[in-house]
Amino acid sequence: MSPDPAAALDVLPAPGDAQRVGADALLRALDALGYDFFAPTPASHARVLARKGRETGETLTDLLEWSLPCRPDTLPGTVLAALGQAGFLEHREDGLVAARVRVSRVFGNLFIHSRYPTREHDAVFLGPDSHRFGDYILRNLDGLPDGARVLDYGAGAGVGGITAATHLPRARLTLADINPGALALASANAAHARIAHDCVEAQSPTDLARSFDLVVMHPPFMIDAEHRAYRDGGDLYGGRLSVDWALAGVRLLAPGGRLVMHTGVAIVGGRDVVREALAAELPTADYSSAYHQLDPDIFGEELSSEAYAEVDRIAAIGLRVDRIP
C-alpha cells in the first residue's frame, strides 16, 4: 500500500531485504514452534535475572525474552539462521550467542522489539503497558467502518495499530514514529500479521497531512533525565507529550473518527495534572470524550527518585475522543 504523497511527510523506504526476509523467517519459525512469551516490567525482569543460575540460558525464551546469552547447540537452527540473516544475532568470544532483539506475543500477534535492558535512546519498548494499550483499543472499536484508515502514532513495535487492524476488516494501517529503527521493526511485525500498511517518519502528529478513522497513541509519559525518545514525556511531570499528542491527534480525525490513547499520568497533591490540562484544552464543539482510569498505581519504584518527589503515584489512563459526524 503506497502512502499518500505530501511534501510534509518523510516516508521511509522499505527495510533492507536481508533484515526484512530474516525478520519474517524469524517470526514464522517462532509461530511454527508455538513460541509464546510476554515481556514483564523492567523491574520484574531484573529480579528474575538476579536469581542464582540465571547468568546464561538454554531455551528460546532465555534467548528472545530474558536476553540471556545461550549455547547455540541448544537452540533451533531455523531461529538462529533467521536471527543471523536479519542482523539480530551476536556471536560472543566465549562461544555463546545473544539476540539483539526480543520477541513477545500480544493478543495473538508476535512482535519484535528491543532486548533488555532498554537503555538506548532509540530503544523500542514493549511491556505490560503494551498489553493494557491493546486491551483498551479492543474495547473501543465499536462502530468503525470496514476499510478503516488507522494511524498508530508513536508506533514503536506497532502493537496498537496492528492489534486494531487485526480486528477491523480491510483496515489500512499507517505506522508513524520519530525512530526509523522502530518503524523497521513495526513494519516487519505488521507484514507477519498480514496487515496492509505504510510507514512514515514523523517528528509530530502535525507532520501528517491525512485524515483517519482511528488514531491510536501510547505516548512516552515518564520523567526521564536521559531524555530517551521512548520514555521521556516532557514537562507536566512527564505528561506534556500526552496532552500535545491528544490535541494534535483529534485534528487528524475524519468525521465519525475516533482517537484512542493510553498513557500514564502523575497524580500530584491528589490532582491528575494531565486530566486537568486535557479538560482545559481539548475541543468540545463536534467532539465527545471519555477519560478512564485503567490502573491507579503503576511504576511505583519511580517514586523513590528525586524527579518524582512531588508525585503521589503514577496512574494508567485511557482517553477516547470521537469526532461527531
C-alpha atoms as a PDB file:
ATOM      1  CA  MET A   1       0.000   0.000   0.000  1.00  0.00           C
ATOM      2  CA  SER A   2       1.548   3.307  -1.055  1.00  0.00           C
ATOM      3  CA  PRO A   3       1.408   6.311   1.276  1.00  0.00           C
ATOM      4  CA  ASP A   4      -0.363   9.466   0.186  1.00  0.00           C
ATOM      5  CA  PRO A   5       2.076  11.942  -1.370  1.00  0.00           C
ATOM      6  CA  ALA A   6       2.621  15.006   0.782  1.00  0.00           C
ATOM      7  CA  ALA A   7       5.560  17.355   0.936  1.00  0.00           C
ATOM      8  CA  ALA A   8       5.383  17.424   4.750  1.00  0.00           C
ATOM      9  CA  LEU A   9       5.990  13.681   5.045  1.00  0.00           C
ATOM     10  CA  ASP A  10       9.306  11.853   5.070  1.00  0.00           C
ATOM     11  CA  VAL A  11       8.308   8.340   4.007  1.00  0.00           C
ATOM     12  CA  LEU A  12      10.783   5.624   4.878  1.00  0.00           C
ATOM     13  CA  PRO A  13      11.980   3.162   2.288  1.00  0.00           C
ATOM     14  CA  ALA A  14      11.269  -0.500   2.958  1.00  0.00           C
ATOM     15  CA  PRO A  15      13.671  -2.199   5.404  1.00  0.00           C
ATOM     16  CA  GLY A  16      16.720  -3.812   3.817  1.00  0.00           C
ATOM     17  CA  ASP A  17      15.987  -7.076   2.057  1.00  0.00           C
ATOM     18  CA  ALA A  18      18.135  -9.188   4.395  1.00  0.00           C
ATOM     19  CA  GLN A  19      16.567  -7.757   7.546  1.00  0.00           C
ATOM     20  CA  ARG A  20      13.043  -7.990   6.157  1.00  0.00           C
ATOM     21  CA  VAL A  21      13.465 -11.588   4.989  1.00  0.00           C
ATOM     22  CA  GLY A  22      15.259 -12.556   8.200  1.00  0.00           C
ATOM     23  CA  ALA A  23      12.623 -10.947  10.437  1.00  0.00           C
ATOM     24  CA  ASP A  24       9.841 -12.682   8.526  1.00  0.00           C
ATOM     25  CA  ALA A  25      11.652 -16.028   8.762  1.00  0.00           C
ATOM     26  CA  LEU A  26      12.174 -15.494  12.500  1.00  0.00           C
ATOM     27  CA  LEU A  27       8.512 -14.812  13.199  1.00  0.00           C
ATOM     28  CA  ARG A  28       7.371 -17.712  11.001  1.00  0.00           C
ATOM     29  CA  ALA A  29       9.786 -20.088  12.745  1.00  0.00           C
ATOM     30  CA  LEU A  30       8.607 -18.966  16.174  1.00  0.00           C
ATOM     31  CA  ASP A  31       4.951 -19.365  15.202  1.00  0.00           C
ATOM     32  CA  ALA A  32       5.684 -22.880  13.945  1.00  0.00           C
ATOM     33  CA  LEU A  33       7.367 -23.705  17.275  1.00  0.00           C
ATOM     34  CA  GLY A  34       4.435 -22.352  19.309  1.00  0.00           C
ATOM     35  CA  TYR A  35       6.559 -19.631  20.889  1.00  0.00           C
ATOM     36  CA  ASP A  36       4.528 -17.675  23.445  1.00  0.00           C
ATOM     37  CA  PHE A  37       6.011 -15.168  25.869  1.00  0.00           C
ATOM     38  CA  PHE A  38       5.224 -11.677  27.126  1.00  0.00           C
ATOM     39  CA  ALA A  39       7.790  -9.154  28.353  1.00  0.00           C
ATOM     40  CA  PRO A  40       7.440  -8.246  32.039  1.00  0.00           C
ATOM     41  CA  THR A  41       8.254  -4.857  33.528  1.00  0.00           C
ATOM     42  CA  PRO A  42      11.963  -3.967  33.683  1.00  0.00           C
ATOM     43  CA  ALA A  43      11.799  -4.299  37.479  1.00  0.00           C
ATOM     44  CA  SER A  44      10.404  -7.846  37.257  1.00  0.00           C
ATOM     45  CA  HIS A  45      12.900  -8.721  34.537  1.00  0.00           C
ATOM     46  CA  ALA A  46      15.796  -7.573  36.717  1.00  0.00           C
ATOM     47  CA  ARG A  47      14.545  -9.605  39.690  1.00  0.00           C
ATOM     48  CA  VAL A  48      14.283 -12.788  37.612  1.00  0.00           C
ATOM     49  CA  LEU A  49      17.787 -12.355  36.209  1.00  0.00           C
ATOM     50  CA  ALA A  50      19.143 -11.757  39.718  1.00  0.00           C
ATOM     51  CA  ARG A  51      18.249 -15.329  40.701  1.00  0.00           C
ATOM     52  CA  LYS A  52      21.021 -17.848  41.065  1.00  0.00           C
ATOM     53  CA  GLY A  53      21.906 -19.637  37.829  1.00  0.00           C
ATOM     54  CA  ARG A  54      20.388 -17.022  35.531  1.00  0.00           C
ATOM     55  CA  GLU A  55      23.685 -15.819  34.049  1.00  0.00           C
ATOM     56  CA  THR A  56      23.219 -17.888  30.871  1.00  0.00           C
ATOM     57  CA  GLY A  57      20.311 -19.748  29.287  1.00  0.00           C
ATOM     58  CA  GLU A  58      19.423 -22.674  27.053  1.00  0.00           C
ATOM     59  CA  THR A  59      15.937 -22.071  25.651  1.00  0.00           C
ATOM     60  CA  LEU A  60      14.271 -19.793  23.129  1.00  0.00           C
ATOM     61  CA  THR A  61      12.654 -17.763  25.906  1.00  0.00           C
ATOM     62  CA  ASP A  62      16.053 -17.399  27.588  1.00  0.00           C
ATOM     63  CA  LEU A  63      17.425 -16.006  24.322  1.00  0.00           C
ATOM     64  CA  LEU A  64      14.490 -13.997  22.977  1.00  0.00           C
ATOM     65  CA  GLU A  65      12.780 -12.705  26.107  1.00  0.00           C
ATOM     66  CA  TRP A  66      15.159 -12.836  29.038  1.00  0.00           C
ATOM     67  CA  SER A  67      18.000 -11.587  26.796  1.00  0.00           C
ATOM     68  CA  LEU A  68      20.428 -14.179  28.152  1.00  0.00           C
ATOM     69  CA  PRO A  69      23.444 -15.458  26.216  1.00  0.00           C
ATOM     70  CA  CYS A  70      22.974 -19.112  25.237  1.00  0.00           C
ATOM     71  CA  ARG A  71      24.890 -22.056  23.807  1.00  0.00           C
ATOM     72  CA  PRO A  72      23.942 -22.250  20.110  1.00  0.00           C
ATOM     73  CA  ASP A  73      23.665 -26.065  20.147  1.00  0.00           C
ATOM     74  CA  THR A  74      20.663 -25.853  22.494  1.00  0.00           C
ATOM     75  CA  LEU A  75      18.617 -23.656  20.120  1.00  0.00           C
ATOM     76  CA  PRO A  76      16.640 -24.381  16.900  1.00  0.00           C
ATOM     77  CA  GLY A  77      18.773 -23.866  13.820  1.00  0.00           C
ATOM     78  CA  THR A  78      15.910 -22.172  11.942  1.00  0.00           C
ATOM     79  CA  VAL A  79      15.715 -19.452  14.583  1.00  0.00           C
ATOM     80  CA  LEU A  80      19.464 -18.884  14.688  1.00  0.00           C
ATOM     81  CA  ALA A  81      19.639 -18.704  10.886  1.00  0.00           C
ATOM     82  CA  ALA A  82      16.815 -16.153  10.766  1.00  0.00           C
ATOM     83  CA  LEU A  83      18.382 -14.036  13.523  1.00  0.00           C
ATOM     84  CA  GLY A  84      21.676 -14.080  11.669  1.00  0.00           C
ATOM     85  CA  GLN A  85      20.117 -13.120   8.342  1.00  0.00           C
ATOM     86  CA  ALA A  86      18.309 -10.189   9.943  1.00  0.00           C
ATOM     87  CA  GLY A  87      21.468  -8.991  11.718  1.00  0.00           C
ATOM     88  CA  PHE A  88      19.925  -9.716  15.119  1.00  0.00           C
ATOM     89  CA  LEU A  89      22.473 -12.310  16.331  1.00  0.00           C
ATOM     90  CA  GLU A  90      25.681 -11.687  18.272  1.00  0.00           C
ATOM     91  CA  HIS A  91      28.479 -14.283  18.403  1.00  0.00           C
ATOM     92  CA  ARG A  92      30.444 -13.798  21.630  1.00  0.00           C
ATOM     93  CA  GLU A  93      34.094 -14.595  22.253  1.00  0.00           C
ATOM     94  CA  ASP A  94      33.104 -17.235  24.840  1.00  0.00           C
ATOM     95  CA  GLY A  95      31.233 -19.225  22.174  1.00  0.00           C
ATOM     96  CA  LEU A  96      27.781 -18.180  23.332  1.00  0.00           C
ATOM     97  CA  VAL A  97      25.252 -16.308  21.204  1.00  0.00           C
ATOM     98  CA  ALA A  98      22.972 -13.432  22.173  1.00  0.00           C
ATOM     99  CA  ALA A  99      19.983 -11.839  20.443  1.00  0.00           C
ATOM    100  CA  ARG A 100      19.877  -8.112  19.723  1.00  0.00           C
ATOM    101  CA  VAL A 101      16.061  -8.216  19.917  1.00  0.00           C
ATOM    102  CA  ARG A 102      13.269  -9.763  21.968  1.00  0.00           C
ATOM    103  CA  VAL A 103      10.003 -11.244  20.700  1.00  0.00           C
ATOM    104  CA  SER A 104       6.676 -11.110  22.552  1.00  0.00           C
ATOM    105  CA  ARG A 105       3.150 -12.221  21.730  1.00  0.00           C
ATOM    106  CA  VAL A 106       0.353  -9.688  22.299  1.00  0.00           C
ATOM    107  CA  PHE A 107      -3.280 -10.601  21.570  1.00  0.00           C
ATOM    108  CA  GLY A 108      -2.224 -13.379  19.215  1.00  0.00           C
ATOM    109  CA  ASN A 109       0.397 -11.477  17.196  1.00  0.00           C
ATOM    110  CA  LEU A 110       4.182 -11.724  17.528  1.00  0.00           C
ATOM    111  CA  PHE A 111       6.208  -8.525  17.921  1.00  0.00           C
ATOM    112  CA  ILE A 112       9.952  -7.999  17.580  1.00  0.00           C
ATOM    113  CA  HIS A 113      11.194  -5.301  19.975  1.00  0.00           C
ATOM    114  CA  SER A 114      14.352  -4.199  21.776  1.00  0.00           C
ATOM    115  CA  ARG A 115      16.345  -6.507  24.035  1.00  0.00           C
ATOM    116  CA  TYR A 116      16.707  -5.990  27.762  1.00  0.00           C
ATOM    117  CA  PRO A 117      17.850  -3.656  29.186  1.00  0.00           C
ATOM    118  CA  THR A 118      16.326  -0.904  27.034  1.00  0.00           C
ATOM    119  CA  ARG A 119      18.989   1.709  27.648  1.00  0.00           C
ATOM    120  CA  GLU A 120      19.472   3.013  24.108  1.00  0.00           C
ATOM    121  CA  HIS A 121      17.979   6.381  23.245  1.00  0.00           C
ATOM    122  CA  ASP A 122      16.058   4.810  20.350  1.00  0.00           C
ATOM    123  CA  ALA A 123      15.032   1.558  22.078  1.00  0.00           C
ATOM    124  CA  VAL A 124      11.697   0.016  21.055  1.00  0.00           C
ATOM    125  CA  PHE A 125       9.910  -0.806  24.289  1.00  0.00           C
ATOM    126  CA  LEU A 126       7.208  -3.425  24.807  1.00  0.00           C
ATOM    127  CA  GLY A 127       5.824  -4.489  28.183  1.00  0.00           C
ATOM    128  CA  PRO A 128       2.696  -4.568  30.364  1.00  0.00           C
ATOM    129  CA  ASP A 129       1.718  -1.086  29.155  1.00  0.00           C
ATOM    130  CA  SER A 130       1.525  -2.544  25.639  1.00  0.00           C
ATOM    131  CA  HIS A 131      -0.940  -5.207  26.770  1.00  0.00           C
ATOM    132  CA  ARG A 132      -3.082  -2.613  28.560  1.00  0.00           C
ATOM    133  CA  PHE A 133      -2.957  -0.380  25.453  1.00  0.00           C
ATOM    134  CA  GLY A 134      -4.073  -3.188  23.148  1.00  0.00           C
ATOM    135  CA  ASP A 135      -6.831  -4.213  25.530  1.00  0.00           C
ATOM    136  CA  TYR A 136      -8.176  -0.664  25.712  1.00  0.00           C
ATOM    137  CA  ILE A 137      -8.144  -0.422  21.907  1.00  0.00           C
ATOM    138  CA  LEU A 138     -10.096  -3.673  21.551  1.00  0.00           C
ATOM    139  CA  ARG A 139     -12.767  -2.291  23.884  1.00  0.00           C
ATOM    140  CA  ASN A 140     -13.172   0.830  21.731  1.00  0.00           C
ATOM    141  CA  LEU A 141     -13.529  -0.411  18.130  1.00  0.00           C
ATOM    142  CA  ASP A 142     -17.331  -0.318  18.034  1.00  0.00           C
ATOM    143  CA  GLY A 143     -18.938   1.416  15.076  1.00  0.00           C
ATOM    144  CA  LEU A 144     -15.793   1.898  12.984  1.00  0.00           C
ATOM    145  CA  PRO A 145     -16.175   1.264   9.241  1.00  0.00           C
ATOM    146  CA  ASP A 146     -14.840  -1.601   7.135  1.00  0.00           C
ATOM    147  CA  GLY A 147     -11.679  -0.464   5.397  1.00  0.00           C
ATOM    148  CA  ALA A 148     -10.944   1.967   8.251  1.00  0.00           C
ATOM    149  CA  ARG A 149      -7.893   4.189   7.876  1.00  0.00           C
ATOM    150  CA  VAL A 150      -5.888   3.561  11.050  1.00  0.00           C
ATOM    151  CA  LEU A 151      -2.946   5.615  12.330  1.00  0.00           C
ATOM    152  CA  ASP A 152      -0.626   4.303  15.037  1.00  0.00           C
ATOM    153  CA  TYR A 153       1.321   7.410  16.035  1.00  0.00           C
ATOM    154  CA  GLY A 154       4.458   6.794  18.084  1.00  0.00           C
ATOM    155  CA  ALA A 155       4.065   3.241  16.889  1.00  0.00           C
ATOM    156  CA  GLY A 156       7.135   1.656  18.478  1.00  0.00           C
ATOM    157  CA  ALA A 157       6.791  -2.061  17.744  1.00  0.00           C
ATOM    158  CA  GLY A 158       3.326  -1.416  16.278  1.00  0.00           C
ATOM    159  CA  VAL A 159       1.259  -3.104  18.995  1.00  0.00           C
ATOM    160  CA  GLY A 160      -1.577  -0.582  18.948  1.00  0.00           C
ATOM    161  CA  GLY A 161      -2.076  -0.282  15.205  1.00  0.00           C
ATOM    162  CA  ILE A 162      -1.586  -3.975  14.452  1.00  0.00           C
ATOM    163  CA  THR A 163      -3.965  -5.020  17.243  1.00  0.00           C
ATOM    164  CA  ALA A 164      -6.608  -2.620  15.927  1.00  0.00           C
ATOM    165  CA  ALA A 165      -6.131  -3.533  12.262  1.00  0.00           C
ATOM    166  CA  THR A 166      -6.305  -7.261  13.048  1.00  0.00           C
ATOM    167  CA  HIS A 167      -9.872  -6.720  14.290  1.00  0.00           C
ATOM    168  CA  LEU A 168     -11.076  -4.249  11.636  1.00  0.00           C
ATOM    169  CA  PRO A 169     -11.947  -5.793   8.250  1.00  0.00           C
ATOM    170  CA  ARG A 170      -9.775  -4.500   5.389  1.00  0.00           C
ATOM    171  CA  ALA A 171      -8.150  -1.869   7.607  1.00  0.00           C
ATOM    172  CA  ARG A 172      -5.420   0.307   6.093  1.00  0.00           C
ATOM    173  CA  LEU A 173      -2.696   0.991   8.645  1.00  0.00           C
ATOM    174  CA  THR A 174      -0.181   3.837   8.814  1.00  0.00           C
ATOM    175  CA  LEU A 175       2.682   3.383  11.264  1.00  0.00           C
ATOM    176  CA  ALA A 176       4.319   6.671  12.276  1.00  0.00           C
ATOM    177  CA  ASP A 177       7.274   7.223  14.587  1.00  0.00           C
ATOM    178  CA  ILE A 178      10.238   9.503  15.141  1.00  0.00           C
ATOM    179  CA  ASN A 179      12.527   6.449  15.197  1.00  0.00           C
ATOM    180  CA  PRO A 180      13.338   4.770  11.856  1.00  0.00           C
ATOM    181  CA  GLY A 181      14.567   1.665  13.671  1.00  0.00           C
ATOM    182  CA  ALA A 182      11.199   1.309  15.383  1.00  0.00           C
ATOM    183  CA  LEU A 183       9.423   1.658  12.055  1.00  0.00           C
ATOM    184  CA  ALA A 184      11.523  -1.107  10.524  1.00  0.00           C
ATOM    185  CA  LEU A 185      10.546  -3.479  13.338  1.00  0.00           C
ATOM    186  CA  ALA A 186       6.896  -2.375  13.291  1.00  0.00           C
ATOM    187  CA  SER A 187       6.746  -2.921   9.525  1.00  0.00           C
ATOM    188  CA  ALA A 188       8.146  -6.450   9.917  1.00  0.00           C
ATOM    189  CA  ASN A 189       5.595  -7.160  12.642  1.00  0.00           C
ATOM    190  CA  ALA A 190       2.732  -5.817  10.517  1.00  0.00           C
ATOM    191  CA  ALA A 191       3.830  -7.800   7.477  1.00  0.00           C
ATOM    192  CA  HIS A 192       3.881 -11.016   9.529  1.00  0.00           C
ATOM    193  CA  ALA A 193       0.363 -10.208  10.774  1.00  0.00           C
ATOM    194  CA  ARG A 194      -0.670  -9.724   7.099  1.00  0.00           C
ATOM    195  CA  ILE A 195      -1.722  -6.116   7.670  1.00  0.00           C
ATOM    196  CA  ALA A 196      -1.614  -3.712   4.701  1.00  0.00           C
ATOM    197  CA  HIS A 197       0.457  -0.798   5.922  1.00  0.00           C
ATOM    198  CA  ASP A 198       2.789   2.067   5.176  1.00  0.00           C
ATOM    199  CA  CYS A 199       5.442   3.737   7.361  1.00  0.00           C
ATOM    200  CA  VAL A 200       6.008   7.437   7.952  1.00  0.00           C
ATOM    201  CA  GLU A 201       8.880   9.017   9.870  1.00  0.00           C
ATOM    202  CA  ALA A 202       7.312  11.955  11.719  1.00  0.00           C
ATOM    203  CA  GLN A 203       8.518  14.340  14.410  1.00  0.00           C
ATOM    204  CA  SER A 204       4.971  15.299  15.450  1.00  0.00           C
ATOM    205  CA  PRO A 205       1.392  14.298  14.599  1.00  0.00           C
ATOM    206  CA  THR A 206       1.173  17.652  12.819  1.00  0.00           C
ATOM    207  CA  ASP A 207       3.582  16.240  10.194  1.00  0.00           C
ATOM    208  CA  LEU A 208       0.816  14.001   8.844  1.00  0.00           C
ATOM    209  CA  ALA A 209      -1.313  15.516   6.094  1.00  0.00           C
ATOM    210  CA  ARG A 210      -4.118  12.932   6.049  1.00  0.00           C
ATOM    211  CA  SER A 211      -7.279  12.123   7.974  1.00  0.00           C
ATOM    212  CA  PHE A 212      -8.014   8.830   9.718  1.00  0.00           C
ATOM    213  CA  ASP A 213     -10.979   6.873  11.017  1.00  0.00           C
ATOM    214  CA  LEU A 214      -8.991   5.667  14.022  1.00  0.00           C
ATOM    215  CA  VAL A 215      -5.916   7.190  15.651  1.00  0.00           C
ATOM    216  CA  VAL A 216      -4.231   5.146  18.403  1.00  0.00           C
ATOM    217  CA  MET A 217      -1.496   6.579  20.619  1.00  0.00           C
ATOM    218  CA  HIS A 218       0.652   5.447  23.534  1.00  0.00           C
ATOM    219  CA  PRO A 219       2.878   8.455  24.304  1.00  0.00           C
ATOM    220  CA  PRO A 220       6.000   8.289  26.469  1.00  0.00           C
ATOM    221  CA  PHE A 221       4.942   9.533  29.913  1.00  0.00           C
ATOM    222  CA  MET A 222       7.890   9.276  32.299  1.00  0.00           C
ATOM    223  CA  ILE A 223      10.211  11.937  33.706  1.00  0.00           C
ATOM    224  CA  ASP A 224      13.488  10.833  32.160  1.00  0.00           C
ATOM    225  CA  ALA A 225      16.750  12.667  32.835  1.00  0.00           C
ATOM    226  CA  GLU A 226      18.360  10.922  29.843  1.00  0.00           C
ATOM    227  CA  HIS A 227      15.569  12.161  27.518  1.00  0.00           C
ATOM    228  CA  ARG A 228      15.192   8.786  25.815  1.00  0.00           C
ATOM    229  CA  ALA A 229      12.669   9.060  23.000  1.00  0.00           C
ATOM    230  CA  TYR A 230      10.603   6.012  24.010  1.00  0.00           C
ATOM    231  CA  ARG A 231      10.350   7.138  27.662  1.00  0.00           C
ATOM    232  CA  ASP A 232      10.580  10.923  28.135  1.00  0.00           C
ATOM    233  CA  GLY A 233       7.168  12.593  28.320  1.00  0.00           C
ATOM    234  CA  GLY A 234       8.426  16.143  28.785  1.00  0.00           C
ATOM    235  CA  ASP A 235       7.244  18.573  31.459  1.00  0.00           C
ATOM    236  CA  LEU A 236       3.910  18.394  33.312  1.00  0.00           C
ATOM    237  CA  TYR A 237       5.526  15.594  35.346  1.00  0.00           C
ATOM    238  CA  GLY A 238       6.017  13.579  32.151  1.00  0.00           C
ATOM    239  CA  GLY A 239       2.536  14.354  30.797  1.00  0.00           C
ATOM    240  CA  ARG A 240       3.251  17.054  28.221  1.00  0.00           C
ATOM    241  CA  LEU A 241       3.552  14.716  25.216  1.00  0.00           C
ATOM    242  CA  SER A 242       0.282  13.018  26.181  1.00  0.00           C
ATOM    243  CA  VAL A 243      -1.524  16.362  26.086  1.00  0.00           C
ATOM    244  CA  ASP A 244       0.191  17.570  22.916  1.00  0.00           C
ATOM    245  CA  TRP A 245      -0.363  14.306  21.033  1.00  0.00           C
ATOM    246  CA  ALA A 246      -4.032  14.170  22.002  1.00  0.00           C
ATOM    247  CA  LEU A 247      -4.636  17.745  20.862  1.00  0.00           C
ATOM    248  CA  ALA A 248      -2.871  17.108  17.545  1.00  0.00           C
ATOM    249  CA  GLY A 249      -4.445  13.672  17.110  1.00  0.00           C
ATOM    250  CA  VAL A 250      -8.045  14.844  17.257  1.00  0.00           C
ATOM    251  CA  ARG A 251      -7.302  17.200  14.372  1.00  0.00           C
ATOM    252  CA  LEU A 252      -6.409  14.173  12.232  1.00  0.00           C
ATOM    253  CA  LEU A 253      -9.820  12.542  12.693  1.00  0.00           C
ATOM    254  CA  ALA A 254     -12.197  12.220   9.767  1.00  0.00           C
ATOM    255  CA  PRO A 255     -15.869  12.904  10.525  1.00  0.00           C
ATOM    256  CA  GLY A 256     -17.046   9.989  12.658  1.00  0.00           C
ATOM    257  CA  GLY A 257     -13.423   9.157  13.515  1.00  0.00           C
ATOM    258  CA  ARG A 258     -12.031   8.195  16.901  1.00  0.00           C
ATOM    259  CA  LEU A 259      -8.867   8.734  18.919  1.00  0.00           C
ATOM    260  CA  VAL A 260      -7.880   6.078  21.463  1.00  0.00           C
ATOM    261  CA  MET A 261      -4.947   6.930  23.715  1.00  0.00           C
ATOM    262  CA  HIS A 262      -3.325   5.045  26.585  1.00  0.00           C
ATOM    263  CA  THR A 263      -0.817   6.845  28.773  1.00  0.00           C
ATOM    264  CA  GLY A 264       0.450   7.333  32.286  1.00  0.00           C
ATOM    265  CA  VAL A 265      -0.323  10.404  34.372  1.00  0.00           C
ATOM    266  CA  ALA A 266       1.185  11.875  37.521  1.00  0.00           C
ATOM    267  CA  ILE A 267      -1.101  12.412  40.492  1.00  0.00           C
ATOM    268  CA  VAL A 268       0.283  15.417  42.368  1.00  0.00           C
ATOM    269  CA  GLY A 269      -1.326  16.509  45.624  1.00  0.00           C
ATOM    270  CA  GLY A 270      -4.360  14.423  44.667  1.00  0.00           C
ATOM    271  CA  ARG A 271      -4.680  16.127  41.256  1.00  0.00           C
ATOM    272  CA  ASP A 272      -4.447  14.404  37.868  1.00  0.00           C
ATOM    273  CA  VAL A 273      -2.425  17.063  36.064  1.00  0.00           C
ATOM    274  CA  VAL A 274      -2.941  15.558  32.591  1.00  0.00           C
ATOM    275  CA  ARG A 275      -6.703  15.298  33.017  1.00  0.00           C
ATOM    276  CA  GLU A 276      -6.848  18.944  34.079  1.00  0.00           C
ATOM    277  CA  ALA A 277      -4.824  20.044  31.038  1.00  0.00           C
ATOM    278  CA  LEU A 278      -6.958  18.000  28.634  1.00  0.00           C
ATOM    279  CA  ALA A 279     -10.190  19.329  30.152  1.00  0.00           C
ATOM    280  CA  ALA A 280      -8.954  22.856  29.526  1.00  0.00           C
ATOM    281  CA  GLU A 281      -7.606  22.308  26.010  1.00  0.00           C
ATOM    282  CA  LEU A 282      -9.485  19.536  24.190  1.00  0.00           C
ATOM    283  CA  PRO A 283     -12.073  20.873  21.722  1.00  0.00           C
ATOM    284  CA  THR A 284     -15.688  20.248  22.699  1.00  0.00           C
ATOM    285  CA  ALA A 285     -17.571  21.514  19.643  1.00  0.00           C
ATOM    286  CA  ASP A 286     -18.175  18.488  17.360  1.00  0.00           C
ATOM    287  CA  TYR A 287     -16.284  16.139  19.720  1.00  0.00           C
ATOM    288  CA  SER A 288     -17.195  13.899  22.636  1.00  0.00           C
ATOM    289  CA  SER A 289     -14.660  12.415  25.022  1.00  0.00           C
ATOM    290  CA  ALA A 290     -14.362   9.854  27.805  1.00  0.00           C
ATOM    291  CA  TYR A 291     -11.475   9.523  30.264  1.00  0.00           C
ATOM    292  CA  HIS A 292     -10.929   6.266  32.166  1.00  0.00           C
ATOM    293  CA  GLN A 293      -8.519   5.253  34.923  1.00  0.00           C
ATOM    294  CA  LEU A 294      -7.177   1.845  33.891  1.00  0.00           C
ATOM    295  CA  ASP A 295      -4.746   1.224  36.756  1.00  0.00           C
ATOM    296  CA  PRO A 296      -4.414   3.570  39.748  1.00  0.00           C
ATOM    297  CA  ASP A 297      -0.782   2.762  40.551  1.00  0.00           C
ATOM    298  CA  ILE A 298       1.982   1.791  38.107  1.00  0.00           C
ATOM    299  CA  PHE A 299       5.797   2.097  38.154  1.00  0.00           C
ATOM    300  CA  GLY A 300       5.787   2.722  41.901  1.00  0.00           C
ATOM    301  CA  GLU A 301       9.557   2.211  42.031  1.00  0.00           C
ATOM    302  CA  GLU A 302       9.985   5.538  40.214  1.00  0.00           C
ATOM    303  CA  LEU A 303       8.635   7.447  43.225  1.00  0.00           C
ATOM    304  CA  SER A 304      11.950   6.905  45.033  1.00  0.00           C
ATOM    305  CA  SER A 305      13.737   9.211  42.582  1.00  0.00           C
ATOM    306  CA  GLU A 306      14.206  12.917  43.164  1.00  0.00           C
ATOM    307  CA  ALA A 307      12.369  13.734  39.917  1.00  0.00           C
ATOM    308  CA  TYR A 308       9.168  12.310  41.411  1.00  0.00           C
ATOM    309  CA  ALA A 309       9.498  13.932  44.845  1.00  0.00           C
ATOM    310  CA  GLU A 310       6.189  15.807  44.425  1.00  0.00           C
ATOM    311  CA  VAL A 311       4.244  12.911  42.829  1.00  0.00           C
ATOM    312  CA  ASP A 312       1.812  10.776  44.888  1.00  0.00           C
ATOM    313  CA  ARG A 313       1.521   7.997  42.309  1.00  0.00           C
ATOM    314  CA  ILE A 314       1.527   7.306  38.563  1.00  0.00           C
ATOM    315  CA  ALA A 315      -1.769   6.065  37.122  1.00  0.00           C
ATOM    316  CA  ALA A 316      -2.556   4.470  33.749  1.00  0.00           C
ATOM    317  CA  ILE A 317      -5.439   6.099  31.910  1.00  0.00           C
ATOM    318  CA  GLY A 318      -7.349   5.660  28.679  1.00  0.00           C
ATOM    319  CA  LEU A 319      -8.742   8.548  26.632  1.00  0.00           C
ATOM    320  CA  ARG A 320     -11.346   8.161  23.889  1.00  0.00           C
ATOM    321  CA  VAL A 321     -12.343  11.109  21.718  1.00  0.00           C
ATOM    322  CA  ASP A 322     -14.986  10.781  18.977  1.00  0.00           C
ATOM    323  CA  ARG A 323     -15.491  13.333  16.223  1.00  0.00           C
ATOM    324  CA  ILE A 324     -19.205  13.713  15.709  1.00  0.00           C
ATOM    325  CA  PRO A 325     -20.176  13.038  12.051  1.00  0.00           C
END
